[in-house]
PDB file of all heavy atoms in Angstrom:
ATOM      1  N   ILE A   1     149.925  33.825  49.635  1.00  0.00           N
ATOM      2  CA  ILE A   1     149.615  33.477  51.027  1.00  0.00           C
ATOM      3  C   ILE A   1     149.949  32.009  51.268  1.00  0.00           C
ATOM      4  O   ILE A   1     150.569  31.650  52.278  1.00  0.00           O
ATOM      5  CB  ILE A   1     148.126  33.756  51.355  1.00  0.00           C
ATOM      6  CG1 ILE A   1     147.754  35.218  51.069  1.00  0.00           C
ATOM      7  CG2 ILE A   1     147.800  33.354  52.794  1.00  0.00           C
ATOM      8  CD1 ILE A   1     148.549  36.257  51.822  1.00  0.00           C
ATOM      9  N   LEU A   2     149.555  31.152  50.339  1.00  0.00           N
ATOM     10  CA  LEU A   2     149.780  29.713  50.489  1.00  0.00           C
ATOM     11  C   LEU A   2     151.260  29.358  50.561  1.00  0.00           C
ATOM     12  O   LEU A   2     151.609  28.327  51.142  1.00  0.00           O
ATOM     13  CB  LEU A   2     149.108  28.952  49.337  1.00  0.00           C
ATOM     14  CG  LEU A   2     147.584  29.000  49.322  1.00  0.00           C
ATOM     15  CD1 LEU A   2     147.042  28.379  48.044  1.00  0.00           C
ATOM     16  CD2 LEU A   2     147.012  28.311  50.557  1.00  0.00           C
ATOM     17  N   SER A   3     152.114  30.191  50.003  1.00  0.00           N
ATOM     18  CA  SER A   3     153.553  29.889  50.011  1.00  0.00           C
ATOM     19  C   SER A   3     154.253  30.344  51.296  1.00  0.00           C
ATOM     20  O   SER A   3     155.452  30.166  51.435  1.00  0.00           O
ATOM     21  CB  SER A   3     154.236  30.533  48.793  1.00  0.00           C
ATOM     22  OG  SER A   3     154.234  31.941  48.911  1.00  0.00           O
ATOM     23  N   ARG A   4     153.478  30.925  52.220  1.00  0.00           N
ATOM     24  CA  ARG A   4     154.037  31.376  53.502  1.00  0.00           C
ATOM     25  C   ARG A   4     153.404  30.597  54.651  1.00  0.00           C
ATOM     26  O   ARG A   4     152.325  30.055  54.530  1.00  0.00           O
ATOM     27  CB  ARG A   4     153.736  32.870  53.747  1.00  0.00           C
ATOM     28  CG  ARG A   4     154.784  33.819  53.236  1.00  0.00           C
ATOM     29  CD  ARG A   4     154.652  34.094  51.822  1.00  0.00           C
ATOM     30  NE  ARG A   4     155.600  35.125  51.361  1.00  0.00           N
ATOM     31  CZ  ARG A   4     155.578  35.559  50.144  1.00  0.00           C
ATOM     32  NH1 ARG A   4     154.700  35.103  49.275  1.00  0.00           N
ATOM     33  NH2 ARG A   4     156.447  36.470  49.755  1.00  0.00           N
ATOM     34  N   LYS A   5     154.098  30.606  55.773  1.00  0.00           N
ATOM     35  CA  LYS A   5     153.543  30.059  57.016  1.00  0.00           C
ATOM     36  C   LYS A   5     152.652  31.144  57.605  1.00  0.00           C
ATOM     37  O   LYS A   5     153.109  32.270  57.843  1.00  0.00           O
ATOM     38  CB  LYS A   5     154.683  29.714  57.975  1.00  0.00           C
ATOM     39  CG  LYS A   5     154.229  29.196  59.304  1.00  0.00           C
ATOM     40  CD  LYS A   5     153.894  27.740  59.219  1.00  0.00           C
ATOM     41  CE  LYS A   5     153.629  27.193  60.615  1.00  0.00           C
ATOM     42  NZ  LYS A   5     152.999  25.905  60.560  1.00  0.00           N
ATOM     43  N   VAL A   6     151.376  30.837  57.814  1.00  0.00           N
ATOM     44  CA  VAL A   6     150.429  31.779  58.411  1.00  0.00           C
ATOM     45  C   VAL A   6     150.129  31.313  59.828  1.00  0.00           C
ATOM     46  O   VAL A   6     149.703  30.178  60.034  1.00  0.00           O
ATOM     47  CB  VAL A   6     149.129  31.883  57.583  1.00  0.00           C
ATOM     48  CG1 VAL A   6     148.125  32.812  58.265  1.00  0.00           C
ATOM     49  CG2 VAL A   6     149.422  32.361  56.164  1.00  0.00           C
ATOM     50  N   LEU A   7     150.376  32.197  60.788  1.00  0.00           N
ATOM     51  CA  LEU A   7     150.146  31.891  62.202  1.00  0.00           C
ATOM     52  C   LEU A   7     149.036  32.779  62.745  1.00  0.00           C
ATOM     53  O   LEU A   7     149.050  33.990  62.513  1.00  0.00           O
ATOM     54  CB  LEU A   7     151.419  32.145  63.018  1.00  0.00           C
ATOM     55  CG  LEU A   7     152.669  31.379  62.612  1.00  0.00           C
ATOM     56  CD1 LEU A   7     153.866  31.887  63.403  1.00  0.00           C
ATOM     57  CD2 LEU A   7     152.475  29.892  62.813  1.00  0.00           C
ATOM     58  N   ARG A   8     148.095  32.185  63.459  1.00  0.00           N
ATOM     59  CA  ARG A   8     147.083  32.976  64.165  1.00  0.00           C
ATOM     60  C   ARG A   8     147.582  33.140  65.593  1.00  0.00           C
ATOM     61  O   ARG A   8     147.588  32.203  66.379  1.00  0.00           O
ATOM     62  CB  ARG A   8     145.717  32.308  64.145  1.00  0.00           C
ATOM     63  CG  ARG A   8     144.648  33.179  64.820  1.00  0.00           C
ATOM     64  CD  ARG A   8     143.259  32.593  64.733  1.00  0.00           C
ATOM     65  NE  ARG A   8     143.135  31.283  65.336  1.00  0.00           N
ATOM     66  CZ  ARG A   8     142.907  31.078  66.639  1.00  0.00           C
ATOM     67  NH1 ARG A   8     142.801  32.104  67.472  1.00  0.00           N
ATOM     68  NH2 ARG A   8     142.799  29.853  67.100  1.00  0.00           N
ATOM     69  N   MET A   9     148.027  34.349  65.911  1.00  0.00           N
ATOM     70  CA  MET A   9     148.592  34.646  67.217  1.00  0.00           C
ATOM     71  C   MET A   9     147.516  35.263  68.109  1.00  0.00           C
ATOM     72  O   MET A   9     146.569  35.868  67.614  1.00  0.00           O
ATOM     73  CB  MET A   9     149.768  35.620  67.068  1.00  0.00           C
ATOM     74  CG  MET A   9     150.843  35.162  66.096  1.00  0.00           C
ATOM     75  SD  MET A   9     151.496  33.517  66.437  1.00  0.00           S
ATOM     76  CE  MET A   9     152.175  33.772  68.062  1.00  0.00           C
ATOM     77  N   PRO A  10     147.682  35.141  69.426  1.00  0.00           N
ATOM     78  CA  PRO A  10     146.728  35.831  70.305  1.00  0.00           C
ATOM     79  C   PRO A  10     146.854  37.338  70.131  1.00  0.00           C
ATOM     80  O   PRO A  10     147.941  37.858  69.893  1.00  0.00           O
ATOM     81  CB  PRO A  10     147.139  35.396  71.709  1.00  0.00           C
ATOM     82  CG  PRO A  10     148.528  34.904  71.584  1.00  0.00           C
ATOM     83  CD  PRO A  10     148.708  34.433  70.172  1.00  0.00           C
ATOM     84  N   SER A  11     145.740  38.011  70.222  1.00  0.00           N
ATOM     85  CA  SER A  11     145.731  39.464  70.105  1.00  0.00           C
ATOM     86  C   SER A  11     146.648  40.094  71.149  1.00  0.00           C
ATOM     87  O   SER A  11     146.745  39.611  72.282  1.00  0.00           O
ATOM     88  CB  SER A  11     144.314  39.989  70.299  1.00  0.00           C
ATOM     89  OG  SER A  11     144.313  41.395  70.384  1.00  0.00           O
ATOM     90  N   THR A  12     147.293  41.177  70.762  1.00  0.00           N
ATOM     91  CA  THR A  12     148.129  41.918  71.707  1.00  0.00           C
ATOM     92  C   THR A  12     147.328  42.975  72.459  1.00  0.00           C
ATOM     93  O   THR A  12     147.892  43.759  73.213  1.00  0.00           O
ATOM     94  CB  THR A  12     149.332  42.578  70.997  1.00  0.00           C
ATOM     95  OG1 THR A  12     148.849  43.464  69.984  1.00  0.00           O
ATOM     96  CG2 THR A  12     150.242  41.517  70.386  1.00  0.00           C
ATOM     97  N   SER A  13     146.017  42.972  72.270  1.00  0.00           N
ATOM     98  CA  SER A  13     145.138  43.841  73.055  1.00  0.00           C
ATOM     99  C   SER A  13     145.299  43.495  74.529  1.00  0.00           C
ATOM    100  O   SER A  13     145.474  42.325  74.883  1.00  0.00           O
ATOM    101  CB  SER A  13     143.696  43.627  72.628  1.00  0.00           C
ATOM    102  OG  SER A  13     142.809  44.144  73.588  1.00  0.00           O
ATOM    103  N   PRO A  14     145.209  44.490  75.403  1.00  0.00           N
ATOM    104  CA  PRO A  14     145.352  44.200  76.831  1.00  0.00           C
ATOM    105  C   PRO A  14     144.125  43.569  77.475  1.00  0.00           C
ATOM    106  O   PRO A  14     144.156  43.219  78.650  1.00  0.00           O
ATOM    107  CB  PRO A  14     145.620  45.585  77.426  1.00  0.00           C
ATOM    108  CG  PRO A  14     144.914  46.526  76.510  1.00  0.00           C
ATOM    109  CD  PRO A  14     145.058  45.917  75.125  1.00  0.00           C
ATOM    110  N   ILE A  15     143.069  43.375  76.707  1.00  0.00           N
ATOM    111  CA  ILE A  15     141.844  42.800  77.265  1.00  0.00           C
ATOM    112  C   ILE A  15     142.078  41.309  77.530  1.00  0.00           C
ATOM    113  O   ILE A  15     142.424  40.560  76.614  1.00  0.00           O
ATOM    114  CB  ILE A  15     140.660  43.008  76.305  1.00  0.00           C
ATOM    115  CG1 ILE A  15     140.396  44.501  76.116  1.00  0.00           C
ATOM    116  CG2 ILE A  15     139.414  42.295  76.823  1.00  0.00           C
ATOM    117  CD1 ILE A  15     139.441  44.825  74.989  1.00  0.00           C
ATOM    118  N   PRO A  16     141.910  40.875  78.780  1.00  0.00           N
ATOM    119  CA  PRO A  16     142.114  39.459  79.094  1.00  0.00           C
ATOM    120  C   PRO A  16     141.095  38.574  78.377  1.00  0.00           C
ATOM    121  O   PRO A  16     139.953  38.967  78.165  1.00  0.00           O
ATOM    122  CB  PRO A  16     141.915  39.378  80.611  1.00  0.00           C
ATOM    123  CG  PRO A  16     141.994  40.777  81.105  1.00  0.00           C
ATOM    124  CD  PRO A  16     141.569  41.654  79.978  1.00  0.00           C
ATOM    125  N   THR A  17     141.542  37.391  77.987  1.00  0.00           N
ATOM    126  CA  THR A  17     140.652  36.402  77.388  1.00  0.00           C
ATOM    127  C   THR A  17     140.698  35.142  78.242  1.00  0.00           C
ATOM    128  O   THR A  17     141.476  35.060  79.196  1.00  0.00           O
ATOM    129  CB  THR A  17     141.094  36.065  75.944  1.00  0.00           C
ATOM    130  OG1 THR A  17     142.359  35.397  75.995  1.00  0.00           O
ATOM    131  CG2 THR A  17     141.185  37.310  75.077  1.00  0.00           C
ATOM    132  N   ARG A  18     139.931  34.153  77.859  1.00  0.00           N
ATOM    133  CA  ARG A  18     139.921  32.891  78.600  1.00  0.00           C
ATOM    134  C   ARG A  18     141.317  32.270  78.617  1.00  0.00           C
ATOM    135  O   ARG A  18     141.762  31.742  79.629  1.00  0.00           O
ATOM    136  CB  ARG A  18     138.922  31.940  77.954  1.00  0.00           C
ATOM    137  CG  ARG A  18     138.802  30.597  78.643  1.00  0.00           C
ATOM    138  CD  ARG A  18     137.731  29.736  77.995  1.00  0.00           C
ATOM    139  NE  ARG A  18     137.910  29.546  76.572  1.00  0.00           N
ATOM    140  CZ  ARG A  18     138.718  28.613  76.029  1.00  0.00           C
ATOM    141  NH1 ARG A  18     139.402  27.806  76.785  1.00  0.00           N
ATOM    142  NH2 ARG A  18     138.798  28.492  74.718  1.00  0.00           N
ATOM    143  N   ASP A  19     142.036  32.333  77.481  1.00  0.00           N
ATOM    144  CA  ASP A  19     143.335  31.672  77.372  1.00  0.00           C
ATOM    145  C   ASP A  19     144.528  32.587  77.655  1.00  0.00           C
ATOM    146  O   ASP A  19     145.607  32.084  77.963  1.00  0.00           O
ATOM    147  CB  ASP A  19     143.492  31.083  75.968  1.00  0.00           C
ATOM    148  CG  ASP A  19     142.468  29.998  75.694  1.00  0.00           C
ATOM    149  OD1 ASP A  19     142.156  29.238  76.628  1.00  0.00           O
ATOM    150  OD2 ASP A  19     141.985  29.917  74.554  1.00  0.00           O
ATOM    151  N   TYR A  20     144.345  33.879  77.504  1.00  0.00           N
ATOM    152  CA  TYR A  20     145.476  34.819  77.648  1.00  0.00           C
ATOM    153  C   TYR A  20     145.087  35.927  78.609  1.00  0.00           C
ATOM    154  O   TYR A  20     144.257  36.771  78.307  1.00  0.00           O
ATOM    155  CB  TYR A  20     145.879  35.381  76.278  1.00  0.00           C
ATOM    156  CG  TYR A  20     146.323  34.280  75.357  1.00  0.00           C
ATOM    157  CD1 TYR A  20     145.468  33.742  74.413  1.00  0.00           C
ATOM    158  CD2 TYR A  20     147.600  33.734  75.475  1.00  0.00           C
ATOM    159  CE1 TYR A  20     145.862  32.700  73.594  1.00  0.00           C
ATOM    160  CE2 TYR A  20     148.006  32.694  74.662  1.00  0.00           C
ATOM    161  CZ  TYR A  20     147.133  32.180  73.723  1.00  0.00           C
ATOM    162  OH  TYR A  20     147.536  31.143  72.925  1.00  0.00           O
ATOM    163  N   ARG A  21     145.709  35.902  79.776  1.00  0.00           N
ATOM    164  CA  ARG A  21     145.348  36.836  80.835  1.00  0.00           C
ATOM    165  C   ARG A  21     146.157  38.125  80.778  1.00  0.00           C
ATOM    166  O   ARG A  21     145.677  39.179  81.154  1.00  0.00           O
ATOM    167  CB  ARG A  21     145.529  36.187  82.209  1.00  0.00           C
ATOM    168  CG  ARG A  21     144.799  34.867  82.398  1.00  0.00           C
ATOM    169  CD  ARG A  21     143.333  34.888  82.071  1.00  0.00           C
ATOM    170  NE  ARG A  21     142.585  35.848  82.882  1.00  0.00           N
ATOM    171  CZ  ARG A  21     141.360  36.238  82.622  1.00  0.00           C
ATOM    172  NH1 ARG A  21     140.717  35.783  81.577  1.00  0.00           N
ATOM    173  NH2 ARG A  21     140.755  37.102  83.398  1.00  0.00           N
ATOM    174  N   GLY A  22     147.428  38.038  80.376  1.00  0.00           N
ATOM    175  CA  GLY A  22     148.269  39.228  80.426  1.00  0.00           C
ATOM    176  C   GLY A  22     149.467  39.121  79.505  1.00  0.00           C
ATOM    177  O   GLY A  22     149.489  38.326  78.562  1.00  0.00           O
ATOM    178  N   LEU A  23     150.484  39.913  79.803  1.00  0.00           N
ATOM    179  CA  LEU A  23     151.669  40.005  78.951  1.00  0.00           C
ATOM    180  C   LEU A  23     152.445  38.695  78.901  1.00  0.00           C
ATOM    181  O   LEU A  23     152.825  38.239  77.824  1.00  0.00           O
ATOM    182  CB  LEU A  23     152.570  41.148  79.448  1.00  0.00           C
ATOM    183  CG  LEU A  23     153.913  41.302  78.726  1.00  0.00           C
ATOM    184  CD1 LEU A  23     153.725  41.597  77.251  1.00  0.00           C
ATOM    185  CD2 LEU A  23     154.743  42.393  79.394  1.00  0.00           C
ATOM    186  N   GLU A  24     152.708  38.079  80.036  1.00  0.00           N
ATOM    187  CA  GLU A  24     153.598  36.929  80.081  1.00  0.00           C
ATOM    188  C   GLU A  24     153.106  35.767  79.226  1.00  0.00           C
ATOM    189  O   GLU A  24     153.881  35.167  78.480  1.00  0.00           O
ATOM    190  CB  GLU A  24     153.813  36.461  81.526  1.00  0.00           C
ATOM    191  CG  GLU A  24     154.560  37.461  82.397  1.00  0.00           C
ATOM    192  CD  GLU A  24     153.706  38.659  82.835  1.00  0.00           C
ATOM    193  OE1 GLU A  24     152.451  38.548  82.852  1.00  0.00           O
ATOM    194  OE2 GLU A  24     154.286  39.715  83.134  1.00  0.00           O
ATOM    195  N   ASP A  25     151.812  35.450  79.312  1.00  0.00           N
ATOM    196  CA  ASP A  25     151.321  34.326  78.521  1.00  0.00           C
ATOM    197  C   ASP A  25     151.269  34.669  77.028  1.00  0.00           C
ATOM    198  O   ASP A  25     151.444  33.793  76.182  1.00  0.00           O
ATOM    199  CB  ASP A  25     149.988  33.782  79.038  1.00  0.00           C
ATOM    200  CG  ASP A  25     148.920  34.825  79.268  1.00  0.00           C
ATOM    201  OD1 ASP A  25     149.142  35.999  78.936  1.00  0.00           O
ATOM    202  OD2 ASP A  25     147.854  34.471  79.803  1.00  0.00           O
ATOM    203  N   ARG A  26     151.087  35.931  76.709  1.00  0.00           N
ATOM    204  CA  ARG A  26     151.135  36.327  75.299  1.00  0.00           C
ATOM    205  C   ARG A  26     152.566  36.240  74.759  1.00  0.00           C
ATOM    206  O   ARG A  26     152.777  35.797  73.633  1.00  0.00           O
ATOM    207  CB  ARG A  26     150.548  37.714  75.111  1.00  0.00           C
ATOM    208  CG  ARG A  26     149.017  37.716  75.192  1.00  0.00           C
ATOM    209  CD  ARG A  26     148.462  39.131  75.070  1.00  0.00           C
ATOM    210  NE  ARG A  26     147.030  39.162  74.946  1.00  0.00           N
ATOM    211  CZ  ARG A  26     146.190  39.199  75.977  1.00  0.00           C
ATOM    212  NH1 ARG A  26     146.646  39.163  77.217  1.00  0.00           N
ATOM    213  NH2 ARG A  26     144.884  39.254  75.784  1.00  0.00           N
ATOM    214  N   VAL A  27     153.545  36.668  75.541  1.00  0.00           N
ATOM    215  CA  VAL A  27     154.952  36.547  75.114  1.00  0.00           C
ATOM    216  C   VAL A  27     155.259  35.085  74.803  1.00  0.00           C
ATOM    217  O   VAL A  27     155.867  34.779  73.772  1.00  0.00           O
ATOM    218  CB  VAL A  27     155.927  37.104  76.181  1.00  0.00           C
ATOM    219  CG1 VAL A  27     157.364  36.714  75.867  1.00  0.00           C
ATOM    220  CG2 VAL A  27     155.809  38.620  76.287  1.00  0.00           C
ATOM    221  N   GLU A  28     154.843  34.185  75.672  1.00  0.00           N
ATOM    222  CA  GLU A  28     155.102  32.755  75.445  1.00  0.00           C
ATOM    223  C   GLU A  28     154.467  32.282  74.144  1.00  0.00           C
ATOM    224  O   GLU A  28     155.098  31.569  73.379  1.00  0.00           O
ATOM    225  CB  GLU A  28     154.608  31.912  76.622  1.00  0.00           C
ATOM    226  CG  GLU A  28     155.498  32.017  77.838  1.00  0.00           C
ATOM    227  CD  GLU A  28     156.961  31.767  77.523  1.00  0.00           C
ATOM    228  OE1 GLU A  28     157.283  30.733  76.897  1.00  0.00           O
ATOM    229  OE2 GLU A  28     157.806  32.615  77.896  1.00  0.00           O
ATOM    230  N   ALA A  29     153.247  32.682  73.888  1.00  0.00           N
ATOM    231  CA  ALA A  29     152.567  32.274  72.658  1.00  0.00           C
ATOM    232  C   ALA A  29     153.257  32.858  71.430  1.00  0.00           C
ATOM    233  O   ALA A  29     153.434  32.177  70.412  1.00  0.00           O
ATOM    234  CB  ALA A  29     151.106  32.698  72.697  1.00  0.00           C
ATOM    235  N   TRP A  30     153.679  34.133  71.515  1.00  0.00           N
ATOM    236  CA  TRP A  30     154.298  34.806  70.381  1.00  0.00           C
ATOM    237  C   TRP A  30     155.703  34.277  70.090  1.00  0.00           C
ATOM    238  O   TRP A  30     156.264  34.556  69.029  1.00  0.00           O
ATOM    239  CB  TRP A  30     154.309  36.322  70.602  1.00  0.00           C
ATOM    240  CG  TRP A  30     153.014  36.965  70.174  1.00  0.00           C
ATOM    241  CD1 TRP A  30     151.854  37.024  70.889  1.00  0.00           C
ATOM    242  CD2 TRP A  30     152.758  37.628  68.939  1.00  0.00           C
ATOM    243  NE1 TRP A  30     150.893  37.684  70.168  1.00  0.00           N
ATOM    244  CE2 TRP A  30     151.424  38.076  68.971  1.00  0.00           C
ATOM    245  CE3 TRP A  30     153.533  37.899  67.813  1.00  0.00           C
ATOM    246  CZ2 TRP A  30     150.836  38.762  67.913  1.00  0.00           C
ATOM    247  CZ3 TRP A  30     152.953  38.597  66.761  1.00  0.00           C
ATOM    248  CH2 TRP A  30     151.622  39.008  66.817  1.00  0.00           C
ATOM    249  N   ARG A  31     156.290  33.496  70.991  1.00  0.00           N
ATOM    250  CA  ARG A  31     157.604  32.888  70.708  1.00  0.00           C
ATOM    251  C   ARG A  31     157.565  32.052  69.426  1.00  0.00           C
ATOM    252  O   ARG A  31     158.595  31.816  68.809  1.00  0.00           O
ATOM    253  CB  ARG A  31     158.071  32.021  71.878  1.00  0.00           C
ATOM    254  CG  ARG A  31     158.559  32.815  73.050  1.00  0.00           C
ATOM    255  CD  ARG A  31     159.284  31.963  74.081  1.00  0.00           C
ATOM    256  NE  ARG A  31     159.443  32.697  75.303  1.00  0.00           N
ATOM    257  CZ  ARG A  31     160.295  33.696  75.482  1.00  0.00           C
ATOM    258  NH1 ARG A  31     161.075  34.081  74.497  1.00  0.00           N
ATOM    259  NH2 ARG A  31     160.364  34.328  76.656  1.00  0.00           N
TER     260      ARG A  31
END
């Protein structure tokens, strides 16, 4: 694990969160 880059990405669940409301902002984060 330590030899890889580990990224915590926003969940792809459709449930809106404070920071991620929908598809578009998740796509931007997942870039």
